[in-house]
Structure formats: structure tokens, C-alpha cells
């Protein structure tokens, strides 16, 4: 069984930065891709960014492009989300997800992932 644990959320002001971390555990952990999603109050969960595990190719949602960067550390079974120039509209619960089978590409839908973390709250005050 794979477990994902997010950390690094908090309360910040607009323009600040945060770095989210996601640590994965599980004897057979070998994803093809990892991703970050977020869910704001009253809204559906949305894709933020993804990264292919083998070569580290990344994709970001247009809403965060140029501000957020996803990265991974294969040796530590970890994925990160560096968030810069935060805006009030970035306020949400951020979820880490892992895809263990299938194509590593175009992993931007919830259905592409089969493991999820519990989420970490990010609140940006304006």
C-alpha cells in the first residue's frame, strides 16, 4: 500500500512563497507520474501540476504557470511544489497524487491517479 503525506502548507500574505512537500512510502512505490491538485472552498478539485517520475518532465496549469514549479527527488520518493508570487485565489487545500500505472504523460485528470494524500491547507491573505 502506498501512502502520501503532504506538508508545508500555512498562512501567508499575497506575494509570498511556500514550498509544499509530499513524501511517499510503500514497499512497492514506483509511480509513473506524480501530481498536485487543489480544491478551494465550494469548488471542484483542479489540476495544478504534474511530473513524470522517470525523466522529470513537467506540466503546469495555466493559472500557475510561471509562478509554481513541481520537482521530484526519486531517491527520497518525494515530490515538491514551489509556489511563488502567491495570490489570494491560490487559497485551497493542496493534494499530492501518484499514478502507478499507465502512461506518464498528460496526467492532468483526477482519474489518472490512484493514490492520494490527505491534503495540506494553503491560505493566502490579500
N, C-alpha and C. Protein backbone atom coordinates (compact mmCIF):
# COMPACT_ATOMS: atom_id res chain seq x y z
N UNK A 1 0.84 -1.19 0.00
CA UNK A 1 0.00 0.00 0.00
C UNK A 1 0.88 1.24 0.00
N UNK A 2 0.51 2.22 -0.80
CA UNK A 2 1.25 3.48 -0.90
C UNK A 2 0.58 4.53 -0.04
N UNK A 3 1.38 5.26 0.70
CA UNK A 3 0.87 6.38 1.49
C UNK A 3 1.58 7.66 1.05
N UNK A 4 0.81 8.71 0.92
CA UNK A 4 1.33 10.03 0.55
C UNK A 4 1.01 11.01 1.67
N UNK A 5 2.01 11.74 2.12
CA UNK A 5 1.82 12.71 3.20
C UNK A 5 2.35 14.06 2.76
N UNK A 6 1.44 15.04 2.71
CA UNK A 6 1.83 16.39 2.33
C UNK A 6 2.23 17.20 3.56
N UNK A 7 3.07 18.19 3.34
CA UNK A 7 3.45 19.13 4.40
C UNK A 7 3.87 20.44 3.76
N UNK A 8 3.96 21.47 4.60
CA UNK A 8 4.46 22.75 4.12
C UNK A 8 3.41 23.82 3.92
N UNK A 9 2.13 23.48 4.10
CA UNK A 9 1.10 24.48 3.95
C UNK A 9 1.12 25.48 5.10
N UNK A 10 0.33 26.52 4.95
CA UNK A 10 0.27 27.52 6.01
C UNK A 10 -0.44 28.77 5.56
N UNK A 11 -0.35 29.80 6.40
CA UNK A 11 -0.97 31.10 6.12
C UNK A 11 0.12 32.07 5.72
N UNK A 12 -0.02 32.67 4.55
CA UNK A 12 0.96 33.62 4.05
C UNK A 12 0.24 34.81 3.46
N UNK A 13 1.01 35.85 3.15
CA UNK A 13 0.44 37.03 2.52
C UNK A 13 0.63 36.96 1.00
N UNK A 14 -0.19 37.68 0.30
CA UNK A 14 -0.07 37.74 -1.15
C UNK A 14 1.35 38.20 -1.52
N UNK A 15 1.92 37.52 -2.51
CA UNK A 15 3.27 37.82 -2.94
C UNK A 15 4.33 36.95 -2.29
N UNK A 16 3.97 36.26 -1.23
CA UNK A 16 4.91 35.39 -0.54
C UNK A 16 5.10 34.07 -1.29
N UNK A 17 5.99 33.25 -0.75
CA UNK A 17 6.28 31.94 -1.33
C UNK A 17 6.07 30.84 -0.29
N UNK A 18 5.76 29.66 -0.79
CA UNK A 18 5.66 28.46 0.04
C UNK A 18 6.19 27.29 -0.75
N UNK A 19 6.71 26.30 -0.05
CA UNK A 19 7.14 25.07 -0.70
C UNK A 19 6.43 23.90 -0.06
N UNK A 20 5.63 23.23 -0.84
CA UNK A 20 4.94 22.04 -0.36
C UNK A 20 5.78 20.80 -0.65
N UNK A 21 5.70 19.85 0.27
CA UNK A 21 6.41 18.59 0.10
C UNK A 21 5.41 17.45 0.19
N UNK A 22 5.73 16.38 -0.50
CA UNK A 22 4.91 15.17 -0.44
C UNK A 22 5.87 14.00 -0.33
N UNK A 23 5.74 13.28 0.77
CA UNK A 23 6.58 12.11 1.00
C UNK A 23 5.78 10.85 0.76
N UNK A 24 6.33 9.98 -0.04
CA UNK A 24 5.64 8.73 -0.37
C UNK A 24 6.32 7.56 0.33
N UNK A 25 5.50 6.65 0.79
CA UNK A 25 6.04 5.44 1.41
C UNK A 25 5.26 4.24 0.91
N UNK A 26 5.91 3.09 0.99
CA UNK A 26 5.28 1.88 0.48
C UNK A 26 6.34 1.03 -0.19
N UNK A 27 6.34 -0.21 0.12
CA UNK A 27 7.41 -1.09 -0.34
C UNK A 27 7.50 -1.15 -1.84
N UNK A 28 6.36 -1.02 -2.51
CA UNK A 28 6.35 -1.17 -3.95
C UNK A 28 6.14 0.15 -4.68
N UNK A 29 6.49 1.26 -4.01
CA UNK A 29 6.24 2.56 -4.62
C UNK A 29 7.11 2.74 -5.85
N UNK A 30 6.47 2.87 -6.99
CA UNK A 30 7.18 3.08 -8.25
C UNK A 30 6.21 3.75 -9.22
N UNK A 31 5.99 5.04 -9.03
CA UNK A 31 5.00 5.72 -9.85
C UNK A 31 5.49 5.98 -11.26
N UNK A 32 4.57 6.24 -12.16
CA UNK A 32 4.94 6.72 -13.48
C UNK A 32 4.84 8.24 -13.53
N UNK A 33 4.02 8.80 -12.63
CA UNK A 33 3.87 10.25 -12.57
C UNK A 33 3.37 10.63 -11.18
N UNK A 34 3.66 11.86 -10.80
CA UNK A 34 3.15 12.44 -9.57
C UNK A 34 2.51 13.77 -9.91
N UNK A 35 1.52 14.16 -9.11
CA UNK A 35 0.85 15.41 -9.41
C UNK A 35 0.41 16.14 -8.16
N UNK A 36 0.09 17.41 -8.35
CA UNK A 36 -0.52 18.24 -7.31
C UNK A 36 -1.86 18.75 -7.84
N UNK A 37 -2.85 18.66 -6.98
CA UNK A 37 -4.17 19.20 -7.25
C UNK A 37 -4.52 20.12 -6.09
N UNK A 38 -5.55 20.94 -6.29
CA UNK A 38 -6.02 21.79 -5.19
C UNK A 38 -7.54 21.91 -5.26
N UNK A 39 -8.10 22.20 -4.09
CA UNK A 39 -9.54 22.37 -4.00
C UNK A 39 -9.84 23.56 -3.11
N UNK A 40 -10.43 24.57 -3.70
CA UNK A 40 -10.84 25.76 -2.96
C UNK A 40 -12.25 25.54 -2.41
N UNK A 41 -12.62 26.27 -1.36
CA UNK A 41 -13.96 26.11 -0.77
C UNK A 41 -15.06 26.28 -1.80
N UNK A 42 -15.96 25.32 -1.87
CA UNK A 42 -17.09 25.41 -2.77
C UNK A 42 -16.78 25.13 -4.23
N UNK A 43 -15.56 24.71 -4.50
CA UNK A 43 -15.16 24.44 -5.89
C UNK A 43 -14.69 23.00 -6.05
N UNK A 44 -14.66 22.56 -7.29
CA UNK A 44 -14.17 21.22 -7.59
C UNK A 44 -12.64 21.19 -7.48
N UNK A 45 -12.12 20.00 -7.25
CA UNK A 45 -10.67 19.85 -7.21
C UNK A 45 -10.11 20.07 -8.62
N UNK A 46 -8.99 20.79 -8.70
CA UNK A 46 -8.43 21.11 -10.01
C UNK A 46 -6.96 20.75 -10.08
N UNK A 47 -6.52 20.47 -11.28
CA UNK A 47 -5.14 20.14 -11.55
C UNK A 47 -4.24 21.35 -11.37
N UNK A 48 -3.08 21.14 -10.76
CA UNK A 48 -2.10 22.22 -10.60
C UNK A 48 -0.84 21.92 -11.42
N UNK A 49 -0.25 20.74 -11.19
CA UNK A 49 0.99 20.40 -11.89
C UNK A 49 1.24 18.91 -11.80
N UNK A 50 2.03 18.41 -12.75
CA UNK A 50 2.41 17.00 -12.73
C UNK A 50 3.84 16.85 -13.20
N UNK A 51 4.43 15.72 -12.86
CA UNK A 51 5.81 15.44 -13.25
C UNK A 51 5.95 13.95 -13.53
N UNK A 52 6.61 13.62 -14.63
CA UNK A 52 6.87 12.21 -14.91
C UNK A 52 8.03 11.74 -14.04
N UNK A 53 7.87 10.53 -13.50
CA UNK A 53 8.83 10.08 -12.50
C UNK A 53 10.19 9.75 -13.09
N UNK A 54 10.21 9.18 -14.27
CA UNK A 54 11.47 8.70 -14.83
C UNK A 54 12.38 9.84 -15.29
N UNK A 55 11.82 10.81 -16.05
CA UNK A 55 12.69 11.84 -16.62
C UNK A 55 12.38 13.23 -16.10
N UNK A 56 11.34 13.37 -15.30
CA UNK A 56 11.08 14.66 -14.69
C UNK A 56 10.45 15.70 -15.59
N UNK A 57 9.75 15.26 -16.61
CA UNK A 57 9.06 16.20 -17.48
C UNK A 57 7.83 16.75 -16.75
N UNK A 58 7.64 18.08 -16.83
CA UNK A 58 6.60 18.71 -16.04
C UNK A 58 5.52 19.36 -16.89
N UNK A 59 4.34 19.48 -16.29
CA UNK A 59 3.21 20.18 -16.87
C UNK A 59 2.57 21.00 -15.77
N UNK A 60 2.19 22.24 -16.09
CA UNK A 60 1.54 23.10 -15.10
C UNK A 60 0.25 23.66 -15.69
N UNK A 61 -0.72 23.89 -14.81
CA UNK A 61 -1.94 24.55 -15.24
C UNK A 61 -1.63 26.00 -15.62
N UNK A 62 -2.39 26.53 -16.54
CA UNK A 62 -2.16 27.90 -16.99
C UNK A 62 -2.24 28.90 -15.83
N UNK A 63 -3.10 28.62 -14.86
CA UNK A 63 -3.31 29.55 -13.76
C UNK A 63 -2.08 29.70 -12.85
N UNK A 64 -1.18 28.75 -12.91
CA UNK A 64 0.00 28.81 -12.04
C UNK A 64 1.31 28.85 -12.82
N UNK A 65 1.22 28.78 -14.13
CA UNK A 65 2.42 28.75 -14.96
C UNK A 65 3.25 30.01 -14.73
N UNK A 66 4.55 29.81 -14.54
CA UNK A 66 5.43 30.94 -14.28
C UNK A 66 5.55 31.28 -12.81
N UNK A 67 4.67 30.76 -11.98
CA UNK A 67 4.72 31.02 -10.53
C UNK A 67 5.02 29.76 -9.73
N UNK A 68 4.48 28.63 -10.16
CA UNK A 68 4.66 27.37 -9.43
C UNK A 68 5.60 26.46 -10.21
N UNK A 69 6.38 25.69 -9.46
CA UNK A 69 7.30 24.72 -10.07
C UNK A 69 7.19 23.40 -9.33
N UNK A 70 6.99 22.33 -10.08
CA UNK A 70 6.96 20.99 -9.49
C UNK A 70 8.31 20.33 -9.72
N UNK A 71 8.76 19.58 -8.73
CA UNK A 71 10.02 18.85 -8.86
C UNK A 71 9.91 17.56 -8.06
N UNK A 72 10.87 16.68 -8.26
CA UNK A 72 10.84 15.43 -7.51
C UNK A 72 12.24 15.00 -7.15
N UNK A 73 12.30 14.15 -6.12
CA UNK A 73 13.55 13.55 -5.69
C UNK A 73 13.30 12.04 -5.65
N UNK A 74 13.76 11.36 -6.67
CA UNK A 74 13.47 9.93 -6.78
C UNK A 74 14.05 9.14 -5.61
N UNK A 75 15.22 9.53 -5.17
CA UNK A 75 15.87 8.80 -4.09
C UNK A 75 15.09 8.89 -2.79
N UNK A 76 14.40 10.01 -2.59
CA UNK A 76 13.63 10.22 -1.36
C UNK A 76 12.16 9.90 -1.54
N UNK A 77 11.78 9.49 -2.74
CA UNK A 77 10.35 9.25 -3.01
C UNK A 77 9.52 10.47 -2.63
N UNK A 78 9.96 11.62 -3.09
CA UNK A 78 9.30 12.86 -2.72
C UNK A 78 9.04 13.73 -3.94
N UNK A 79 7.99 14.51 -3.83
CA UNK A 79 7.67 15.49 -4.86
C UNK A 79 7.40 16.81 -4.16
N UNK A 80 7.73 17.90 -4.83
CA UNK A 80 7.64 19.22 -4.22
C UNK A 80 6.85 20.16 -5.12
N UNK A 81 6.30 21.18 -4.52
CA UNK A 81 5.64 22.24 -5.28
C UNK A 81 6.12 23.57 -4.71
N UNK A 82 6.97 24.24 -5.47
CA UNK A 82 7.43 25.56 -5.09
C UNK A 82 6.44 26.58 -5.61
N UNK A 83 5.87 27.36 -4.71
CA UNK A 83 4.83 28.32 -5.07
C UNK A 83 5.34 29.72 -4.77
N UNK A 84 5.50 30.51 -5.81
CA UNK A 84 5.96 31.90 -5.67
C UNK A 84 4.86 32.86 -6.08
N UNK A 85 5.02 34.10 -5.67
CA UNK A 85 4.05 35.15 -6.02
C UNK A 85 2.62 34.69 -5.77
N UNK A 86 2.40 34.20 -4.58
CA UNK A 86 1.08 33.65 -4.25
C UNK A 86 0.01 34.73 -4.27
N UNK A 87 -1.17 34.31 -4.69
CA UNK A 87 -2.32 35.19 -4.77
C UNK A 87 -3.44 34.65 -3.88
N UNK A 88 -4.37 35.51 -3.55
CA UNK A 88 -5.50 35.08 -2.71
C UNK A 88 -6.26 33.92 -3.35
N UNK A 89 -6.33 33.93 -4.67
CA UNK A 89 -7.06 32.85 -5.37
C UNK A 89 -6.32 31.52 -5.35
N UNK A 90 -5.11 31.49 -4.84
CA UNK A 90 -4.40 30.23 -4.67
C UNK A 90 -4.80 29.52 -3.37
N UNK A 91 -5.60 30.18 -2.56
CA UNK A 91 -6.06 29.59 -1.31
C UNK A 91 -6.85 28.32 -1.60
N UNK A 92 -6.42 27.21 -1.00
CA UNK A 92 -7.06 25.93 -1.25
C UNK A 92 -6.39 24.86 -0.38
N UNK A 93 -7.00 23.70 -0.37
CA UNK A 93 -6.32 22.52 0.15
C UNK A 93 -5.57 21.89 -1.02
N UNK A 94 -4.29 21.64 -0.82
CA UNK A 94 -3.45 21.08 -1.87
C UNK A 94 -3.22 19.60 -1.61
N UNK A 95 -3.43 18.81 -2.66
CA UNK A 95 -3.33 17.37 -2.57
C UNK A 95 -2.20 16.86 -3.47
N UNK A 96 -1.47 15.92 -2.95
CA UNK A 96 -0.46 15.20 -3.71
C UNK A 96 -1.10 13.91 -4.22
N UNK A 97 -0.72 13.50 -5.42
CA UNK A 97 -1.28 12.28 -6.01
C UNK A 97 -0.21 11.52 -6.76
N UNK A 98 -0.38 10.21 -6.82
CA UNK A 98 0.56 9.34 -7.53
C UNK A 98 -0.17 8.45 -8.52
N UNK A 99 0.43 8.29 -9.68
CA UNK A 99 -0.11 7.40 -10.70
C UNK A 99 0.84 6.23 -10.83
N UNK A 100 0.36 5.04 -10.60
CA UNK A 100 1.25 3.89 -10.55
C UNK A 100 1.27 3.07 -11.84
N UNK A 101 0.34 3.33 -12.76
CA UNK A 101 0.31 2.54 -13.98
C UNK A 101 -0.22 3.41 -15.13
N UNK A 102 0.04 2.94 -16.33
CA UNK A 102 -0.41 3.69 -17.49
C UNK A 102 0.66 4.66 -17.98
N UNK A 103 0.25 5.53 -18.86
CA UNK A 103 1.18 6.49 -19.43
C UNK A 103 1.56 7.59 -18.43
N UNK A 104 2.83 7.99 -18.42
CA UNK A 104 3.23 9.08 -17.52
C UNK A 104 2.86 10.46 -18.07
N UNK A 105 2.40 10.47 -19.32
CA UNK A 105 2.13 11.75 -19.97
C UNK A 105 0.69 12.19 -19.82
N UNK A 106 0.49 13.47 -19.90
CA UNK A 106 -0.87 14.05 -19.87
C UNK A 106 -1.65 13.60 -18.64
N UNK A 107 -0.98 13.54 -17.51
CA UNK A 107 -1.64 13.11 -16.27
C UNK A 107 -2.22 14.32 -15.57
N UNK A 108 -3.31 14.86 -16.10
CA UNK A 108 -3.88 16.08 -15.56
C UNK A 108 -5.30 15.92 -15.04
N UNK A 109 -5.80 14.69 -15.04
CA UNK A 109 -7.14 14.45 -14.51
C UNK A 109 -7.05 13.65 -13.21
N UNK A 110 -8.02 13.86 -12.34
CA UNK A 110 -8.04 13.09 -11.10
C UNK A 110 -8.05 11.60 -11.38
N UNK A 111 -8.76 11.20 -12.41
CA UNK A 111 -8.90 9.79 -12.73
C UNK A 111 -7.59 9.15 -13.16
N UNK A 112 -6.59 9.97 -13.48
CA UNK A 112 -5.28 9.43 -13.87
C UNK A 112 -4.49 8.92 -12.68
N UNK A 113 -4.92 9.27 -11.47
CA UNK A 113 -4.15 8.96 -10.27
C UNK A 113 -4.88 7.96 -9.39
N UNK A 114 -4.13 7.08 -8.79
CA UNK A 114 -4.76 6.07 -7.95
C UNK A 114 -4.34 6.13 -6.48
N UNK A 115 -3.46 7.06 -6.13
CA UNK A 115 -3.11 7.27 -4.72
C UNK A 115 -3.18 8.76 -4.42
N UNK A 116 -3.71 9.07 -3.25
CA UNK A 116 -3.90 10.47 -2.86
C UNK A 116 -3.47 10.69 -1.42
N UNK A 117 -2.94 11.87 -1.16
CA UNK A 117 -2.67 12.28 0.20
C UNK A 117 -3.90 12.91 0.82
N UNK A 118 -3.76 13.31 2.08
CA UNK A 118 -4.88 13.90 2.83
C UNK A 118 -5.02 15.40 2.58
N UNK A 119 -3.99 16.01 2.05
CA UNK A 119 -4.06 17.42 1.73
C UNK A 119 -3.42 18.30 2.78
N UNK A 120 -3.00 19.48 2.35
CA UNK A 120 -2.45 20.48 3.26
C UNK A 120 -3.04 21.83 2.88
N UNK A 121 -3.43 22.59 3.89
CA UNK A 121 -4.13 23.86 3.65
C UNK A 121 -3.12 24.97 3.33
N UNK A 122 -3.42 25.70 2.28
CA UNK A 122 -2.67 26.91 1.94
C UNK A 122 -3.65 28.07 1.93
N UNK A 123 -3.37 29.07 2.74
CA UNK A 123 -4.22 30.24 2.82
C UNK A 123 -3.39 31.47 2.51
N UNK A 124 -3.84 32.24 1.52
CA UNK A 124 -3.12 33.44 1.12
C UNK A 124 -4.01 34.64 1.42
N UNK A 125 -3.53 35.50 2.27
CA UNK A 125 -4.31 36.70 2.62
C UNK A 125 -3.90 37.85 1.70
N UNK A 126 -4.89 38.63 1.31
CA UNK A 126 -4.61 39.74 0.38
C UNK A 126 -4.42 41.05 1.13
